[in-house]
N, C-alpha and C. Protein backbone atom coordinates (compact mmCIF):
# COMPACT_ATOMS: atom_id res chain seq x y z
N MET A 1 105.09 150.17 85.97
CA MET A 1 106.38 149.77 86.52
C MET A 1 106.27 148.47 87.31
N SER A 2 105.22 148.32 88.12
CA SER A 2 105.15 147.13 88.97
C SER A 2 104.95 145.86 88.15
N GLU A 3 104.24 145.94 87.01
CA GLU A 3 104.09 144.77 86.14
C GLU A 3 105.45 144.34 85.61
N GLU A 4 106.29 145.31 85.26
CA GLU A 4 107.65 145.00 84.81
C GLU A 4 108.45 144.35 85.94
N ASN A 5 108.26 144.82 87.17
CA ASN A 5 108.97 144.22 88.30
C ASN A 5 108.56 142.77 88.50
N VAL A 6 107.27 142.48 88.40
CA VAL A 6 106.78 141.10 88.54
C VAL A 6 107.36 140.23 87.44
N GLU A 7 107.40 140.74 86.21
CA GLU A 7 107.98 139.98 85.10
C GLU A 7 109.46 139.71 85.32
N THR A 8 110.19 140.71 85.82
CA THR A 8 111.62 140.53 86.10
C THR A 8 111.83 139.43 87.13
N ILE A 9 111.08 139.48 88.23
CA ILE A 9 111.24 138.47 89.28
C ILE A 9 110.80 137.10 88.78
N SER A 10 109.77 137.04 87.97
CA SER A 10 109.33 135.76 87.41
C SER A 10 110.44 135.14 86.55
N ARG A 11 111.10 135.95 85.73
CA ARG A 11 112.22 135.45 84.91
C ARG A 11 113.38 134.98 85.80
N VAL A 12 113.69 135.75 86.84
CA VAL A 12 114.77 135.38 87.76
C VAL A 12 114.46 134.02 88.40
N LEU A 13 113.24 133.85 88.89
CA LEU A 13 112.87 132.61 89.57
C LEU A 13 112.86 131.42 88.61
N ASP A 14 112.35 131.63 87.41
CA ASP A 14 112.35 130.54 86.42
C ASP A 14 113.78 130.08 86.14
N ALA A 15 114.70 131.02 85.95
CA ALA A 15 116.09 130.67 85.69
C ALA A 15 116.69 129.95 86.91
N TYR A 16 116.43 130.47 88.11
CA TYR A 16 116.95 129.88 89.34
C TYR A 16 116.46 128.44 89.49
N ASN A 17 115.17 128.22 89.26
CA ASN A 17 114.59 126.88 89.40
C ASN A 17 115.13 125.90 88.38
N GLN A 18 115.62 126.41 87.25
CA GLN A 18 116.21 125.55 86.22
C GLN A 18 117.72 125.37 86.43
N GLY A 19 118.24 125.97 87.50
CA GLY A 19 119.66 125.86 87.78
C GLY A 19 120.51 126.78 86.93
N ASP A 20 119.88 127.74 86.25
CA ASP A 20 120.60 128.72 85.43
C ASP A 20 120.92 129.92 86.31
N TYR A 21 121.94 129.77 87.14
CA TYR A 21 122.24 130.78 88.15
C TYR A 21 122.83 132.05 87.55
N GLU A 22 123.48 131.94 86.41
CA GLU A 22 124.02 133.15 85.77
C GLU A 22 122.88 134.07 85.35
N THR A 23 121.87 133.52 84.70
CA THR A 23 120.72 134.32 84.29
C THR A 23 119.94 134.80 85.51
N SER A 24 119.84 133.95 86.53
CA SER A 24 119.04 134.33 87.70
C SER A 24 119.68 135.46 88.50
N THR A 25 120.97 135.70 88.32
CA THR A 25 121.63 136.78 89.06
C THR A 25 121.86 138.03 88.20
N ALA A 26 121.48 137.98 86.94
CA ALA A 26 121.71 139.13 86.04
C ALA A 26 120.96 140.38 86.48
N ALA A 27 119.84 140.22 87.17
CA ALA A 27 119.05 141.39 87.59
C ALA A 27 119.51 141.98 88.92
N LEU A 28 120.56 141.43 89.52
CA LEU A 28 121.05 141.98 90.79
C LEU A 28 121.81 143.28 90.53
N ASP A 29 121.45 144.32 91.24
CA ASP A 29 122.17 145.59 91.20
C ASP A 29 123.57 145.36 91.79
N PRO A 30 124.59 146.04 91.31
CA PRO A 30 125.94 145.85 91.88
C PRO A 30 125.99 146.11 93.39
N ASP A 31 125.12 146.98 93.90
CA ASP A 31 125.11 147.31 95.33
C ASP A 31 123.95 146.67 96.09
N VAL A 32 123.39 145.60 95.53
CA VAL A 32 122.25 144.93 96.16
C VAL A 32 122.53 144.62 97.63
N GLU A 33 121.49 144.73 98.44
CA GLU A 33 121.56 144.37 99.85
C GLU A 33 120.66 143.17 100.08
N MET A 34 121.13 142.22 100.88
CA MET A 34 120.32 141.06 101.22
C MET A 34 120.28 140.92 102.73
N TRP A 35 119.11 140.61 103.24
CA TRP A 35 118.92 140.36 104.65
C TRP A 35 118.07 139.11 104.80
N ALA A 36 118.42 138.25 105.72
CA ALA A 36 117.66 137.03 105.98
C ALA A 36 117.25 137.00 107.44
N ASP A 37 115.98 136.72 107.67
CA ASP A 37 115.47 136.61 109.03
C ASP A 37 116.21 135.49 109.75
N PRO A 38 116.78 135.78 110.91
CA PRO A 38 117.56 134.76 111.62
C PRO A 38 116.73 133.55 112.06
N ARG A 39 115.39 133.68 112.11
CA ARG A 39 114.56 132.52 112.43
C ARG A 39 114.59 131.49 111.31
N ALA A 40 114.79 131.95 110.08
CA ALA A 40 114.86 131.04 108.93
C ALA A 40 116.30 130.71 108.57
N PHE A 41 117.20 131.66 108.74
CA PHE A 41 118.61 131.49 108.38
C PHE A 41 119.47 132.02 109.52
N PRO A 42 119.70 131.22 110.55
CA PRO A 42 120.38 131.70 111.75
C PRO A 42 121.78 132.27 111.52
N ASP A 43 122.48 131.81 110.51
CA ASP A 43 123.85 132.25 110.29
C ASP A 43 123.98 133.37 109.27
N ALA A 44 122.88 133.86 108.77
CA ALA A 44 122.93 134.86 107.70
C ALA A 44 122.81 136.27 108.29
N GLY A 45 123.85 137.02 108.19
CA GLY A 45 123.79 138.43 108.56
C GLY A 45 123.48 139.23 107.32
N PRO A 46 123.49 140.53 107.40
CA PRO A 46 123.30 141.34 106.20
C PRO A 46 124.43 141.07 105.19
N VAL A 47 124.07 141.03 103.92
CA VAL A 47 125.02 140.79 102.84
C VAL A 47 124.93 141.98 101.90
N GLN A 48 126.06 142.54 101.52
CA GLN A 48 126.10 143.75 100.68
C GLN A 48 126.88 143.48 99.40
N GLY A 49 126.27 143.79 98.26
CA GLY A 49 126.96 143.71 96.97
C GLY A 49 126.63 142.44 96.20
N ARG A 50 126.61 142.58 94.89
CA ARG A 50 126.24 141.48 93.99
C ARG A 50 127.11 140.24 94.21
N ASP A 51 128.42 140.41 94.24
CA ASP A 51 129.31 139.27 94.40
C ASP A 51 129.10 138.57 95.73
N ALA A 52 128.88 139.33 96.79
CA ALA A 52 128.66 138.74 98.12
C ALA A 52 127.34 137.97 98.17
N VAL A 53 126.30 138.50 97.53
CA VAL A 53 125.01 137.81 97.49
C VAL A 53 125.15 136.50 96.71
N ILE A 54 125.82 136.55 95.57
CA ILE A 54 126.03 135.33 94.78
C ILE A 54 126.82 134.31 95.59
N SER A 55 127.86 134.76 96.30
CA SER A 55 128.66 133.87 97.13
C SER A 55 127.80 133.23 98.22
N TRP A 56 126.92 134.01 98.85
CA TRP A 56 126.05 133.48 99.90
C TRP A 56 125.16 132.38 99.34
N PHE A 57 124.53 132.64 98.19
CA PHE A 57 123.64 131.64 97.59
C PHE A 57 124.42 130.41 97.13
N THR A 58 125.62 130.61 96.61
CA THR A 58 126.45 129.47 96.19
C THR A 58 126.74 128.57 97.39
N SER A 59 127.10 129.18 98.50
CA SER A 59 127.38 128.42 99.71
C SER A 59 126.12 127.71 100.22
N PHE A 60 125.00 128.42 100.21
CA PHE A 60 123.73 127.84 100.66
C PHE A 60 123.37 126.62 99.81
N ILE A 61 123.40 126.78 98.49
CA ILE A 61 123.02 125.69 97.59
C ILE A 61 123.97 124.50 97.73
N SER A 62 125.26 124.79 97.89
CA SER A 62 126.24 123.69 97.98
C SER A 62 126.18 122.95 99.32
N SER A 63 125.40 123.45 100.29
CA SER A 63 125.26 122.74 101.55
C SER A 63 124.26 121.59 101.43
N PHE A 64 123.69 121.41 100.24
CA PHE A 64 122.73 120.34 99.99
C PHE A 64 123.22 119.43 98.87
N ASP A 65 122.86 118.16 98.98
CA ASP A 65 122.88 117.26 97.84
C ASP A 65 121.47 117.31 97.28
N ASP A 66 121.32 117.25 96.00
CA ASP A 66 119.99 117.22 95.38
C ASP A 66 119.15 118.45 95.73
N TYR A 67 119.78 119.64 95.76
CA TYR A 67 119.04 120.87 96.06
C TYR A 67 117.96 121.09 95.01
N TRP A 68 116.82 121.59 95.44
CA TRP A 68 115.75 121.96 94.52
C TRP A 68 115.04 123.21 95.01
N SER A 69 114.52 123.93 94.09
CA SER A 69 113.65 125.07 94.35
C SER A 69 112.66 125.06 93.21
N ALA A 70 111.39 125.12 93.54
CA ALA A 70 110.41 124.93 92.47
C ALA A 70 109.15 125.74 92.69
N GLY A 71 108.51 126.03 91.57
CA GLY A 71 107.19 126.62 91.59
C GLY A 71 106.20 125.49 91.61
N PRO A 72 104.91 125.74 91.63
CA PRO A 72 104.41 127.11 91.49
C PRO A 72 104.67 127.91 92.75
N TYR A 73 104.81 129.18 92.55
CA TYR A 73 105.01 130.07 93.66
C TYR A 73 104.05 131.24 93.50
N GLU A 74 103.79 131.87 94.60
CA GLU A 74 102.89 133.02 94.59
C GLU A 74 103.71 134.29 94.47
N LEU A 75 103.34 135.16 93.54
CA LEU A 75 103.97 136.46 93.40
C LEU A 75 102.95 137.53 93.76
N ILE A 76 103.34 138.42 94.66
CA ILE A 76 102.46 139.50 95.09
C ILE A 76 103.07 140.82 94.61
N ASP A 77 102.33 141.52 93.77
CA ASP A 77 102.77 142.81 93.23
C ASP A 77 102.55 143.87 94.30
N ALA A 78 103.65 144.43 94.80
CA ALA A 78 103.55 145.47 95.83
C ALA A 78 104.29 146.72 95.37
N GLY A 79 104.11 147.08 94.11
CA GLY A 79 104.75 148.29 93.58
C GLY A 79 106.22 148.09 93.33
N VAL A 80 107.06 148.81 94.06
CA VAL A 80 108.51 148.65 93.89
C VAL A 80 108.99 147.34 94.51
N TRP A 81 108.15 146.70 95.30
CA TRP A 81 108.45 145.41 95.92
C TRP A 81 107.66 144.31 95.22
N VAL A 82 108.27 143.14 95.11
CA VAL A 82 107.57 141.94 94.67
C VAL A 82 107.81 140.90 95.77
N ILE A 83 106.71 140.37 96.30
CA ILE A 83 106.79 139.38 97.36
C ILE A 83 106.57 138.01 96.73
N VAL A 84 107.45 137.06 97.07
CA VAL A 84 107.38 135.72 96.48
C VAL A 84 107.31 134.68 97.58
N VAL A 85 106.33 133.79 97.48
CA VAL A 85 106.20 132.67 98.40
C VAL A 85 106.64 131.42 97.64
N LEU A 86 107.62 130.70 98.20
CA LEU A 86 108.16 129.55 97.49
C LEU A 86 108.60 128.45 98.45
N ARG A 87 109.06 127.33 97.86
CA ARG A 87 109.58 126.20 98.63
C ARG A 87 110.90 125.77 98.01
N SER A 88 111.79 125.31 98.87
CA SER A 88 113.05 124.74 98.40
C SER A 88 113.48 123.67 99.39
N GLY A 89 114.46 122.90 98.99
CA GLY A 89 114.94 121.86 99.88
C GLY A 89 116.03 121.03 99.24
N GLY A 90 116.31 119.93 99.86
CA GLY A 90 117.33 119.01 99.39
C GLY A 90 117.71 118.09 100.53
N ARG A 91 118.78 117.37 100.33
CA ARG A 91 119.31 116.49 101.36
C ARG A 91 120.57 117.14 101.89
N GLY A 92 120.62 117.37 103.18
CA GLY A 92 121.78 118.01 103.80
C GLY A 92 123.06 117.27 103.44
N ARG A 93 124.04 117.99 102.91
CA ARG A 93 125.29 117.36 102.47
C ARG A 93 126.00 116.68 103.64
N THR A 94 125.99 117.30 104.81
CA THR A 94 126.69 116.74 105.96
C THR A 94 125.82 115.71 106.69
N SER A 95 124.56 116.05 106.92
CA SER A 95 123.69 115.20 107.73
C SER A 95 123.01 114.10 106.93
N GLY A 96 122.81 114.32 105.64
CA GLY A 96 122.07 113.36 104.83
C GLY A 96 120.57 113.41 105.05
N VAL A 97 120.11 114.34 105.87
CA VAL A 97 118.70 114.46 106.20
C VAL A 97 117.98 115.27 105.12
N PRO A 98 116.87 114.74 104.59
CA PRO A 98 116.09 115.52 103.63
C PRO A 98 115.34 116.65 104.33
N VAL A 99 115.36 117.82 103.73
CA VAL A 99 114.66 118.97 104.28
C VAL A 99 113.90 119.68 103.17
N ALA A 100 112.82 120.32 103.55
CA ALA A 100 112.05 121.19 102.65
C ALA A 100 111.60 122.37 103.48
N GLN A 101 111.61 123.53 102.89
CA GLN A 101 111.27 124.74 103.63
C GLN A 101 110.44 125.67 102.75
N GLY A 102 109.37 126.20 103.34
CA GLY A 102 108.63 127.26 102.69
C GLY A 102 109.16 128.58 103.23
N TRP A 103 109.31 129.56 102.37
CA TRP A 103 109.79 130.86 102.81
C TRP A 103 109.28 131.93 101.87
N THR A 104 109.44 133.15 102.28
CA THR A 104 108.94 134.29 101.52
C THR A 104 110.08 135.27 101.31
N VAL A 105 110.22 135.72 100.07
CA VAL A 105 111.28 136.68 99.75
C VAL A 105 110.63 137.97 99.26
N ALA A 106 111.08 139.08 99.81
CA ALA A 106 110.64 140.40 99.36
C ALA A 106 111.77 140.98 98.52
N TYR A 107 111.49 141.26 97.26
CA TYR A 107 112.46 141.86 96.34
C TYR A 107 112.08 143.31 96.10
N LYS A 108 113.00 144.22 96.30
CA LYS A 108 112.78 145.63 95.97
C LYS A 108 113.56 145.93 94.69
N LEU A 109 112.86 146.54 93.74
CA LEU A 109 113.48 146.82 92.45
C LEU A 109 113.51 148.31 92.15
N ARG A 110 114.54 148.69 91.40
CA ARG A 110 114.66 150.06 90.90
C ARG A 110 115.28 149.96 89.52
N ASP A 111 114.63 150.57 88.54
CA ASP A 111 115.12 150.57 87.16
C ASP A 111 115.42 149.16 86.65
N GLY A 112 114.54 148.20 87.01
CA GLY A 112 114.68 146.83 86.51
C GLY A 112 115.73 145.99 87.22
N LYS A 113 116.34 146.53 88.26
CA LYS A 113 117.37 145.80 89.01
C LYS A 113 116.91 145.54 90.44
N ILE A 114 117.31 144.41 90.99
CA ILE A 114 117.01 144.08 92.38
C ILE A 114 118.00 144.84 93.25
N VAL A 115 117.49 145.73 94.10
CA VAL A 115 118.36 146.53 94.97
C VAL A 115 118.32 146.03 96.42
N ARG A 116 117.31 145.23 96.76
CA ARG A 116 117.22 144.68 98.11
C ARG A 116 116.45 143.37 98.06
N MET A 117 116.93 142.41 98.84
CA MET A 117 116.25 141.13 99.00
C MET A 117 116.12 140.89 100.50
N GLU A 118 114.93 140.49 100.93
CA GLU A 118 114.72 140.14 102.32
C GLU A 118 114.04 138.79 102.37
N MET A 119 114.62 137.85 103.12
CA MET A 119 114.05 136.51 103.25
C MET A 119 113.36 136.41 104.61
N HIS A 120 112.08 136.06 104.55
CA HIS A 120 111.23 136.00 105.73
C HIS A 120 110.59 134.63 105.87
N PRO A 121 110.25 134.24 107.10
CA PRO A 121 109.61 132.94 107.30
C PRO A 121 108.12 132.91 106.90
N ASP A 122 107.51 134.08 106.68
CA ASP A 122 106.10 134.09 106.31
C ASP A 122 105.74 135.36 105.53
N VAL A 123 104.58 135.32 104.91
CA VAL A 123 104.12 136.42 104.07
C VAL A 123 103.88 137.69 104.88
N ALA A 124 103.31 137.56 106.05
CA ALA A 124 102.98 138.75 106.86
C ALA A 124 104.22 139.58 107.14
N ARG A 125 105.33 138.93 107.50
CA ARG A 125 106.56 139.68 107.79
C ARG A 125 107.12 140.31 106.52
N ALA A 126 107.02 139.63 105.40
CA ALA A 126 107.52 140.20 104.14
C ALA A 126 106.70 141.40 103.72
N LEU A 127 105.39 141.31 103.85
CA LEU A 127 104.53 142.45 103.51
C LEU A 127 104.82 143.64 104.43
N LYS A 128 105.04 143.36 105.70
CA LYS A 128 105.37 144.43 106.65
C LYS A 128 106.68 145.11 106.24
N ALA A 129 107.66 144.33 105.81
CA ALA A 129 108.94 144.88 105.36
C ALA A 129 108.75 145.81 104.15
N ALA A 130 107.75 145.48 103.32
CA ALA A 130 107.47 146.29 102.14
C ALA A 130 106.55 147.46 102.46
N GLY A 131 106.23 147.64 103.74
CA GLY A 131 105.37 148.74 104.14
C GLY A 131 103.90 148.46 103.94
N LEU A 132 103.55 147.18 103.82
CA LEU A 132 102.16 146.77 103.60
C LEU A 132 101.73 145.84 104.71
N SER A 133 100.47 145.49 104.70
CA SER A 133 99.99 144.46 105.60
C SER A 133 99.06 143.55 104.83
N GLU A 134 98.85 142.34 105.35
CA GLU A 134 98.00 141.38 104.65
C GLU A 134 96.57 141.82 104.60
């Protein structure tokens, strides 16, 4: 099961990095929950449901000119969780300031669907969220 989860997340990330957001969101469960650490995303509270998660990401991406997200990224197989270390950035649409950020996302999957996403500023916190430690 965990190998299938890693493959699912790898496909999602590849589509996301290519700007194919429809394919990248196909694995979201209708009741997916998303949480972002306020240290990395101060304005992000808990987000519930596929449409709300897509709306959050649409707003996030549109806050940049020249947004990018790219591999290579590290994928950590943690059973029902897949931990991903990645980088993204762009030029702030309002400020014009170029930014780049490394972050870690913990994806929890059930029956091939993403049921929970947690965005963390580092691997240790993401592993802890998945009930593991480094």
